[in-house]
C-alpha atoms as a PDB file:
ATOM      1  CA  MET A   1      23.475  15.163  -6.516  1.00  0.00           C
ATOM      2  CA  ASN A   2      26.207  17.264  -4.914  1.00  0.00           C
ATOM      3  CA  ILE A   3      26.829  17.492  -1.188  1.00  0.00           C
ATOM      4  CA  ALA A   4      25.125  20.859  -0.804  1.00  0.00           C
ATOM      5  CA  GLU A   5      21.962  19.516  -2.412  1.00  0.00           C
ATOM      6  CA  LEU A   6      21.977  16.481  -0.114  1.00  0.00           C
ATOM      7  CA  PHE A   7      21.506  18.762   2.878  1.00  0.00           C
ATOM      8  CA  SER A   8      19.422  21.503   1.282  1.00  0.00           C
ATOM      9  CA  LEU A   9      15.833  22.135   2.347  1.00  0.00           C
ATOM     10  CA  ARG A  10      15.125  24.780  -0.286  1.00  0.00           C
ATOM     11  CA  GLY A  11      11.557  24.564  -1.518  1.00  0.00           C
ATOM     12  CA  ARG A  12      10.431  22.575   1.532  1.00  0.00           C
ATOM     13  CA  ARG A  13       7.977  23.645   4.227  1.00  0.00           C
ATOM     14  CA  ALA A  14       8.517  22.416   7.807  1.00  0.00           C
ATOM     15  CA  LEU A  15       5.986  22.316  10.663  1.00  0.00           C
ATOM     16  CA  VAL A  16       7.531  22.200  14.139  1.00  0.00           C
ATOM     17  CA  THR A  17       5.135  21.561  17.016  1.00  0.00           C
ATOM     18  CA  GLY A  18       5.669  23.270  20.353  1.00  0.00           C
ATOM     19  CA  SER A  19       7.896  25.849  18.676  1.00  0.00           C
ATOM     20  CA  GLY A  20       6.787  29.110  20.229  1.00  0.00           C
ATOM     21  CA  GLN A  21       9.907  28.940  22.398  1.00  0.00           C
ATOM     22  CA  GLY A  22      12.753  26.702  23.532  1.00  0.00           C
ATOM     23  CA  LEU A  23      14.057  23.720  21.577  1.00  0.00           C
ATOM     24  CA  GLY A  24      11.205  23.856  19.079  1.00  0.00           C
ATOM     25  CA  LEU A  25      12.079  27.398  18.064  1.00  0.00           C
ATOM     26  CA  ARG A  26      15.748  26.403  17.766  1.00  0.00           C
ATOM     27  CA  PHE A  27      14.806  23.504  15.495  1.00  0.00           C
ATOM     28  CA  ALA A  28      12.784  25.920  13.375  1.00  0.00           C
ATOM     29  CA  ARG A  29      15.695  28.349  13.005  1.00  0.00           C
ATOM     30  CA  GLY A  30      18.027  25.494  12.083  1.00  0.00           C
ATOM     31  CA  LEU A  31      15.730  24.146   9.373  1.00  0.00           C
ATOM     32  CA  ALA A  32      15.259  27.683   8.050  1.00  0.00           C
ATOM     33  CA  ALA A  33      19.039  28.104   7.819  1.00  0.00           C
ATOM     34  CA  ALA A  34      19.062  25.057   5.526  1.00  0.00           C
ATOM     35  CA  GLY A  35      16.473  26.730   3.290  1.00  0.00           C
ATOM     36  CA  ALA A  36      13.084  25.583   4.594  1.00  0.00           C
ATOM     37  CA  SER A  37      10.083  27.805   5.081  1.00  0.00           C
ATOM     38  CA  ILE A  38       8.745  27.430   8.599  1.00  0.00           C
ATOM     39  CA  VAL A  39       5.378  26.781  10.229  1.00  0.00           C
ATOM     40  CA  LEU A  40       5.507  27.356  13.961  1.00  0.00           C
ATOM     41  CA  ASN A  41       2.954  25.842  16.322  1.00  0.00           C
ATOM     42  CA  ASP A  42       1.982  26.648  19.877  1.00  0.00           C
ATOM     43  CA  LEU A  43      -1.120  26.547  22.069  1.00  0.00           C
ATOM     44  CA  ASP A  44      -0.594  30.142  23.254  1.00  0.00           C
ATOM     45  CA  ARG A  45      -1.568  32.785  20.673  1.00  0.00           C
ATOM     46  CA  ALA A  46       0.600  35.591  22.062  1.00  0.00           C
ATOM     47  CA  ARG A  47       3.690  33.387  22.292  1.00  0.00           C
ATOM     48  CA  LEU A  48       3.099  32.014  18.790  1.00  0.00           C
ATOM     49  CA  ASP A  49       2.628  35.446  17.245  1.00  0.00           C
ATOM     50  CA  ALA A  50       5.765  36.756  18.949  1.00  0.00           C
ATOM     51  CA  ALA A  51       7.835  33.840  17.677  1.00  0.00           C
ATOM     52  CA  VAL A  52       6.546  34.217  14.100  1.00  0.00           C
ATOM     53  CA  ALA A  53       7.300  37.952  14.211  1.00  0.00           C
ATOM     54  CA  ALA A  54      10.819  37.260  15.472  1.00  0.00           C
ATOM     55  CA  LEU A  55      11.561  34.830  12.642  1.00  0.00           C
ATOM     56  CA  ARG A  56      10.165  37.172  10.030  1.00  0.00           C
ATOM     57  CA  ALA A  57      12.335  39.965  11.423  1.00  0.00           C
ATOM     58  CA  GLU A  58      15.308  37.679  10.746  1.00  0.00           C
ATOM     59  CA  GLY A  59      14.231  37.287   7.119  1.00  0.00           C
ATOM     60  CA  ILE A  60      12.739  33.818   7.550  1.00  0.00           C
ATOM     61  CA  ASP A  61       9.581  32.807   5.685  1.00  0.00           C
ATOM     62  CA  ALA A  62       7.431  31.888   8.683  1.00  0.00           C
ATOM     63  CA  HIS A  63       3.794  31.273   9.509  1.00  0.00           C
ATOM     64  CA  GLY A  64       2.019  30.132  12.653  1.00  0.00           C
ATOM     65  CA  VAL A  65      -0.707  27.594  13.276  1.00  0.00           C
ATOM     66  CA  LEU A  66      -2.481  27.532  16.628  1.00  0.00           C
ATOM     67  CA  PHE A  67      -3.480  24.222  18.210  1.00  0.00           C
ATOM     68  CA  ASN A  68      -2.904  22.068  21.262  1.00  0.00           C
ATOM     69  CA  VAL A  69      -1.426  18.710  20.234  1.00  0.00           C
ATOM     70  CA  ALA A  70      -3.265  17.087  23.152  1.00  0.00           C
ATOM     71  CA  ARG A  71      -6.634  18.069  21.670  1.00  0.00           C
ATOM     72  CA  PRO A  72      -7.253  16.001  18.525  1.00  0.00           C
ATOM     73  CA  GLU A  73     -10.345  18.040  17.688  1.00  0.00           C
ATOM     74  CA  GLU A  74      -8.102  21.081  17.142  1.00  0.00           C
ATOM     75  CA  VAL A  75      -5.260  19.456  15.220  1.00  0.00           C
ATOM     76  CA  ARG A  76      -6.644  18.145  11.946  1.00  0.00           C
ATOM     77  CA  PRO A  77      -8.896  21.159  11.159  1.00  0.00           C
ATOM     78  CA  ALA A  78      -6.005  23.558  11.823  1.00  0.00           C
ATOM     79  CA  ILE A  79      -3.581  21.634   9.608  1.00  0.00           C
ATOM     80  CA  GLU A  80      -6.101  21.150   6.811  1.00  0.00           C
ATOM     81  CA  GLN A  81      -6.945  24.858   6.822  1.00  0.00           C
ATOM     82  CA  PHE A  82      -3.278  25.814   6.723  1.00  0.00           C
ATOM     83  CA  GLU A  83      -2.563  23.491   3.801  1.00  0.00           C
ATOM     84  CA  ARG A  84      -5.569  24.812   1.865  1.00  0.00           C
ATOM     85  CA  GLU A  85      -4.386  28.378   2.336  1.00  0.00           C
ATOM     86  CA  HIS A  86      -0.620  28.021   2.098  1.00  0.00           C
ATOM     87  CA  GLY A  87       0.276  24.646   0.603  1.00  0.00           C
ATOM     88  CA  SER A  88       1.573  21.271   1.686  1.00  0.00           C
ATOM     89  CA  ILE A  89       3.796  20.464   4.642  1.00  0.00           C
ATOM     90  CA  ASP A  90       6.897  18.540   3.567  1.00  0.00           C
ATOM     91  CA  ILE A  91       8.592  18.109   6.951  1.00  0.00           C
ATOM     92  CA  LEU A  92       7.035  17.533  10.358  1.00  0.00           C
ATOM     93  CA  VAL A  93       9.007  17.815  13.596  1.00  0.00           C
ATOM     94  CA  ASN A  94       6.945  16.414  16.470  1.00  0.00           C
ATOM     95  CA  ASN A  95       8.669  18.390  19.203  1.00  0.00           C
ATOM     96  CA  ALA A  96       5.901  19.311  21.680  1.00  0.00           C
ATOM     97  CA  GLY A  97       6.532  17.742  25.068  1.00  0.00           C
ATOM     98  CA  ILE A  98       6.041  18.168  28.815  1.00  0.00           C
ATOM     99  CA  HIS A  99       7.373  16.710  32.083  1.00  0.00           C
ATOM    100  CA  ARG A 100       5.422  15.850  35.224  1.00  0.00           C
ATOM    101  CA  TYR A 101       7.873  14.426  37.758  1.00  0.00           C
ATOM    102  CA  ALA A 102       6.645  11.908  40.333  1.00  0.00           C
ATOM    103  CA  ALA A 103       7.591   8.521  41.713  1.00  0.00           C
ATOM    104  CA  LEU A 104       5.438   5.812  40.158  1.00  0.00           C
ATOM    105  CA  VAL A 105       4.009   4.809  43.527  1.00  0.00           C
ATOM    106  CA  ASP A 106       2.785   8.387  44.053  1.00  0.00           C
ATOM    107  CA  MET A 107       1.972   9.386  40.479  1.00  0.00           C
ATOM    108  CA  THR A 108      -1.626  10.437  39.909  1.00  0.00           C
ATOM    109  CA  PRO A 109      -3.602   9.270  36.879  1.00  0.00           C
ATOM    110  CA  THR A 110      -3.652  12.892  35.731  1.00  0.00           C
ATOM    111  CA  GLN A 111       0.154  13.181  35.899  1.00  0.00           C
ATOM    112  CA  TRP A 112       0.431   9.959  33.921  1.00  0.00           C
ATOM    113  CA  GLN A 113      -2.162  10.771  31.293  1.00  0.00           C
ATOM    114  CA  GLU A 114      -1.283  14.354  30.478  1.00  0.00           C
ATOM    115  CA  VAL A 115       2.306  13.381  29.645  1.00  0.00           C
ATOM    116  CA  LEU A 116       1.096  10.516  27.436  1.00  0.00           C
ATOM    117  CA  ASP A 117      -1.431  12.822  25.757  1.00  0.00           C
ATOM    118  CA  VAL A 118       1.137  15.438  24.768  1.00  0.00           C
ATOM    119  CA  ASN A 119       4.331  13.442  24.251  1.00  0.00           C
ATOM    120  CA  LEU A 120       2.923  10.350  22.541  1.00  0.00           C
ATOM    121  CA  THR A 121      -0.691  10.745  21.440  1.00  0.00           C
ATOM    122  CA  GLY A 122       0.011  14.278  20.221  1.00  0.00           C
ATOM    123  CA  ALA A 123       2.727  12.982  17.903  1.00  0.00           C
ATOM    124  CA  PHE A 124       0.332  10.343  16.552  1.00  0.00           C
ATOM    125  CA  VAL A 125      -2.479  12.828  15.954  1.00  0.00           C
ATOM    126  CA  VAL A 126      -0.315  15.465  14.248  1.00  0.00           C
ATOM    127  CA  GLY A 127       1.613  12.814  12.321  1.00  0.00           C
ATOM    128  CA  GLN A 128      -1.592  11.257  11.035  1.00  0.00           C
ATOM    129  CA  ALA A 129      -2.991  14.629   9.949  1.00  0.00           C
ATOM    130  CA  VAL A 130       0.164  15.599   8.063  1.00  0.00           C
ATOM    131  CA  ALA A 131       0.841  12.137   6.622  1.00  0.00           C
ATOM    132  CA  ARG A 132      -2.426  12.028   4.678  1.00  0.00           C
ATOM    133  CA  ASP A 133      -1.161  14.663   2.249  1.00  0.00           C
ATOM    134  CA  MET A 134       2.403  13.331   2.295  1.00  0.00           C
ATOM    135  CA  ILE A 135       1.159   9.897   1.282  1.00  0.00           C
ATOM    136  CA  ALA A 136      -0.922  11.372  -1.535  1.00  0.00           C
ATOM    137  CA  ARG A 137       2.146  13.244  -2.833  1.00  0.00           C
ATOM    138  CA  ARG A 138       4.472  10.284  -2.127  1.00  0.00           C
ATOM    139  CA  ARG A 139       6.961  12.497  -0.315  1.00  0.00           C
ATOM    140  CA  GLY A 140       7.508  13.571   3.284  1.00  0.00           C
ATOM    141  CA  LYS A 141       9.785  13.567   6.299  1.00  0.00           C
ATOM    142  CA  ILE A 142       8.596  13.055   9.875  1.00  0.00           C
ATOM    143  CA  ILE A 143      11.002  13.633  12.762  1.00  0.00           C
ATOM    144  CA  ASN A 144       9.783  12.606  16.203  1.00  0.00           C
ATOM    145  CA  ILE A 145      11.705  14.117  19.096  1.00  0.00           C
ATOM    146  CA  CYS A 146      12.238  11.055  21.225  1.00  0.00           C
ATOM    147  CA  SER A 147      14.669  11.014  24.126  1.00  0.00           C
ATOM    148  CA  LEU A 148      17.527   9.284  25.829  1.00  0.00           C
ATOM    149  CA  MET A 149      14.620   7.912  27.858  1.00  0.00           C
ATOM    150  CA  SER A 150      13.313   6.104  24.823  1.00  0.00           C
ATOM    151  CA  ALA A 151      16.018   3.605  25.805  1.00  0.00           C
ATOM    152  CA  ALA A 152      16.778   4.247  29.493  1.00  0.00           C
ATOM    153  CA  THR A 153      15.143   5.714  32.567  1.00  0.00           C
ATOM    154  CA  ARG A 154      15.683   7.157  36.028  1.00  0.00           C
ATOM    155  CA  PRO A 155      13.397   7.553  39.079  1.00  0.00           C
ATOM    156  CA  THR A 156      10.424   9.962  38.918  1.00  0.00           C
ATOM    157  CA  THR A 157      10.216   9.863  35.107  1.00  0.00           C
ATOM    158  CA  GLY A 158       8.060   6.778  34.535  1.00  0.00           C
ATOM    159  CA  ASN A 159       5.360   8.650  32.631  1.00  0.00           C
ATOM    160  CA  TYR A 160       7.906  10.451  30.444  1.00  0.00           C
ATOM    161  CA  THR A 161       9.851   7.224  29.829  1.00  0.00           C
ATOM    162  CA  ALA A 162       6.677   5.368  28.847  1.00  0.00           C
ATOM    163  CA  ALA A 163       5.714   8.149  26.440  1.00  0.00           C
ATOM    164  CA  LYS A 164       9.145   8.438  24.850  1.00  0.00           C
ATOM    165  CA  GLY A 165       9.559   4.669  24.632  1.00  0.00           C
ATOM    166  CA  GLY A 166       6.186   4.552  22.931  1.00  0.00           C
ATOM    167  CA  LEU A 167       7.261   7.341  20.602  1.00  0.00           C
ATOM    168  CA  LYS A 168      10.241   5.278  19.471  1.00  0.00           C
ATOM    169  CA  SER A 169       7.884   2.401  18.643  1.00  0.00           C
ATOM    170  CA  LEU A 170       5.426   4.775  16.967  1.00  0.00           C
ATOM    171  CA  THR A 171       8.293   6.060  14.815  1.00  0.00           C
ATOM    172  CA  GLN A 172       8.984   2.511  13.670  1.00  0.00           C
ATOM    173  CA  SER A 173       5.295   1.929  12.930  1.00  0.00           C
ATOM    174  CA  MET A 174       5.121   5.122  10.875  1.00  0.00           C
ATOM    175  CA  ALA A 175       8.191   4.009   8.935  1.00  0.00           C
ATOM    176  CA  VAL A 176       6.745   0.573   8.192  1.00  0.00           C
ATOM    177  CA  GLU A 177       3.271   1.780   7.186  1.00  0.00           C
ATOM    178  CA  TRP A 178       4.192   4.994   5.375  1.00  0.00           C
ATOM    179  CA  GLY A 179       7.607   4.092   3.950  1.00  0.00           C
ATOM    180  CA  PRO A 180       6.052   2.362   0.906  1.00  0.00           C
ATOM    181  CA  HIS A 181       4.421   5.720   0.104  1.00  0.00           C
ATOM    182  CA  GLY A 182       7.657   7.715   0.031  1.00  0.00           C
ATOM    183  CA  VAL A 183       7.528   8.975   3.629  1.00  0.00           C
ATOM    184  CA  GLN A 184      10.455   8.580   6.021  1.00  0.00           C
ATOM    185  CA  ALA A 185       9.816   8.669   9.787  1.00  0.00           C
ATOM    186  CA  ASN A 186      12.780   8.888  12.128  1.00  0.00           C
ATOM    187  CA  GLY A 187      13.518  10.133  15.622  1.00  0.00           C
ATOM    188  CA  ILE A 188      16.087  12.219  17.433  1.00  0.00           C
ATOM    189  CA  GLY A 189      16.955  11.077  20.955  1.00  0.00           C
ATOM    190  CA  PRO A 190      18.450  14.033  22.826  1.00  0.00           C
ATOM    191  CA  GLY A 191      20.567  13.300  25.857  1.00  0.00           C
ATOM    192  CA  TYR A 192      20.847  15.811  28.665  1.00  0.00           C
ATOM    193  CA  ILE A 193      20.369  19.113  26.831  1.00  0.00           C
ATOM    194  CA  LEU A 194      20.384  22.493  28.574  1.00  0.00           C
ATOM    195  CA  SER A 195      16.939  23.949  27.977  1.00  0.00           C
ATOM    196  CA  ASP A 196      14.013  25.540  29.773  1.00  0.00           C
ATOM    197  CA  MET A 197      12.836  22.041  30.709  1.00  0.00           C
ATOM    198  CA  THR A 198      16.172  20.996  32.257  1.00  0.00           C
ATOM    199  CA  LYS A 199      17.664  24.183  33.723  1.00  0.00           C
ATOM    200  CA  HIS A 200      16.326  23.283  37.176  1.00  0.00           C
ATOM    201  CA  LEU A 201      18.252  20.000  36.989  1.00  0.00           C
ATOM    202  CA  ALA A 202      21.469  21.693  35.866  1.00  0.00           C
ATOM    203  CA  ALA A 203      21.118  24.060  38.832  1.00  0.00           C
ATOM    204  CA  GLU A 204      21.401  21.119  41.247  1.00  0.00           C
ATOM    205  CA  PRO A 205      25.155  20.599  41.895  1.00  0.00           C
ATOM    206  CA  GLU A 206      24.912  16.840  42.465  1.00  0.00           C
ATOM    207  CA  PHE A 207      22.783  16.224  39.383  1.00  0.00           C
ATOM    208  CA  ASP A 208      24.949  18.502  37.241  1.00  0.00           C
ATOM    209  CA  ALA A 209      28.049  16.612  38.336  1.00  0.00           C
ATOM    210  CA  TRP A 210      26.363  13.264  37.654  1.00  0.00           C
ATOM    211  CA  VAL A 211      25.417  14.262  34.102  1.00  0.00           C
ATOM    212  CA  LYS A 212      28.917  15.494  33.321  1.00  0.00           C
ATOM    213  CA  SER A 213      30.604  12.421  34.814  1.00  0.00           C
ATOM    214  CA  ARG A 214      28.191   9.994  33.147  1.00  0.00           C
ATOM    215  CA  THR A 215      28.465  11.577  29.685  1.00  0.00           C
ATOM    216  CA  PRO A 216      31.690  10.756  27.786  1.00  0.00           C
ATOM    217  CA  ALA A 217      31.625  14.233  26.246  1.00  0.00           C
ATOM    218  CA  GLY A 218      31.893  15.594  29.788  1.00  0.00           C
ATOM    219  CA  ARG A 219      29.219  18.243  29.401  1.00  0.00           C
ATOM    220  CA  TRP A 220      25.552  18.953  28.898  1.00  0.00           C
ATOM    221  CA  GLY A 221      24.401  19.215  25.317  1.00  0.00           C
ATOM    222  CA  THR A 222      23.117  22.464  23.842  1.00  0.00           C
ATOM    223  CA  PRO A 223      20.166  23.055  21.519  1.00  0.00           C
ATOM    224  CA  ASP A 224      22.639  23.705  18.707  1.00  0.00           C
ATOM    225  CA  ASP A 225      23.941  20.141  19.092  1.00  0.00           C
ATOM    226  CA  LEU A 226      20.569  18.881  17.852  1.00  0.00           C
ATOM    227  CA  VAL A 227      20.241  21.039  14.752  1.00  0.00           C
ATOM    228  CA  GLY A 228      22.526  19.031  12.474  1.00  0.00           C
ATOM    229  CA  ALA A 229      20.628  15.820  13.212  1.00  0.00           C
ATOM    230  CA  ALA A 230      17.336  17.538  12.379  1.00  0.00           C
ATOM    231  CA  ILE A 231      18.659  18.892   9.079  1.00  0.00           C
ATOM    232  CA  PHE A 232      20.035  15.473   8.128  1.00  0.00           C
ATOM    233  CA  LEU A 233      16.751  13.688   8.855  1.00  0.00           C
ATOM    234  CA  ALA A 234      14.758  16.367   7.001  1.00  0.00           C
ATOM    235  CA  ALA A 235      17.001  16.454   3.931  1.00  0.00           C
ATOM    236  CA  PRO A 236      17.534  14.199   0.895  1.00  0.00           C
ATOM    237  CA  ALA A 237      20.670  12.849   2.596  1.00  0.00           C
ATOM    238  CA  SER A 238      18.420  10.605   4.735  1.00  0.00           C
ATOM    239  CA  ASP A 239      16.103   9.334   1.991  1.00  0.00           C
ATOM    240  CA  PHE A 240      17.048   5.703   2.763  1.00  0.00           C
ATOM    241  CA  VAL A 241      16.996   6.129   6.543  1.00  0.00           C
ATOM    242  CA  ASN A 242      13.670   5.052   8.006  1.00  0.00           C
ATOM    243  CA  GLY A 243      12.472   3.956  11.444  1.00  0.00           C
ATOM    244  CA  HIS A 244      15.725   4.990  13.122  1.00  0.00           C
ATOM    245  CA  VAL A 245      16.308   6.970  16.321  1.00  0.00           C
ATOM    246  CA  LEU A 246      19.485   9.047  16.183  1.00  0.00           C
ATOM    247  CA  TYR A 247      20.690   9.559  19.746  1.00  0.00           C
ATOM    248  CA  VAL A 248      22.446  12.888  20.302  1.00  0.00           C
ATOM    249  CA  ASP A 249      23.645  12.226  23.827  1.00  0.00           C
ATOM    250  CA  GLY A 250      27.407  12.816  23.960  1.00  0.00           C
ATOM    251  CA  GLY A 251      27.933   9.054  24.231  1.00  0.00           C
ATOM    252  CA  TRP A 252      25.719   8.558  27.295  1.00  0.00           C
ATOM    253  CA  LEU A 253      24.066   5.352  26.057  1.00  0.00           C
ATOM    254  CA  ALA A 254      27.401   3.847  25.045  1.00  0.00           C
ATOM    255  CA  ALA A 255      28.918   4.160  28.522  1.00  0.00           C
ATOM    256  CA  LEU A 256      28.609   1.852  31.518  1.00  0.00           C
END
């Protein structure tokens, strides 16, 4: 196999959850650039339709599937219907995620649970639904978008840290249980990436300075910094990589 083939996604179909906007949509465009056809997901019909239309206008083979990852009763029927009508999903990117900031001593059960439901349980539910067909075909790639906070934390993010730490462990469990059936499950652990979810942090001078001083690269990451990792973990180049979290953090975890 030549180098181009190692990183080619031609003939593969990728589902990216939470991809009506933001990082999810950037992941989708990156996988499409490597040759994949794309299935976008969102819980908002108008946003989903607009994103699908935008990709198609760029010449990308794109479809949309509407469901809320936090509602298991929506997920499996939607995925099964899509696969009946359009064919199997070869790559899953579990990207959907939310933040609810609060100190642990003040955090409400609702703030705790809704983050766990989307960021952790949602990845389990969608992963399970997609893996059934992958296992039957003995081929598939699952990429869970973990976090720097799968390995570290800071105040007011206890719910997010618990969910992303759990997602790292879930990734390992998927690898162990589904690896014998030809399915690889890995994670990407973004560091501090400029996005819709973090722009309010970057706007705070003290926090912005802390991120830049704490990160050996000396800057915030960009969505484009994550695309190469996603292509690698979706492509044949990673066929013997399983249960791993690839941290894309500018060296943050390596530094004291």
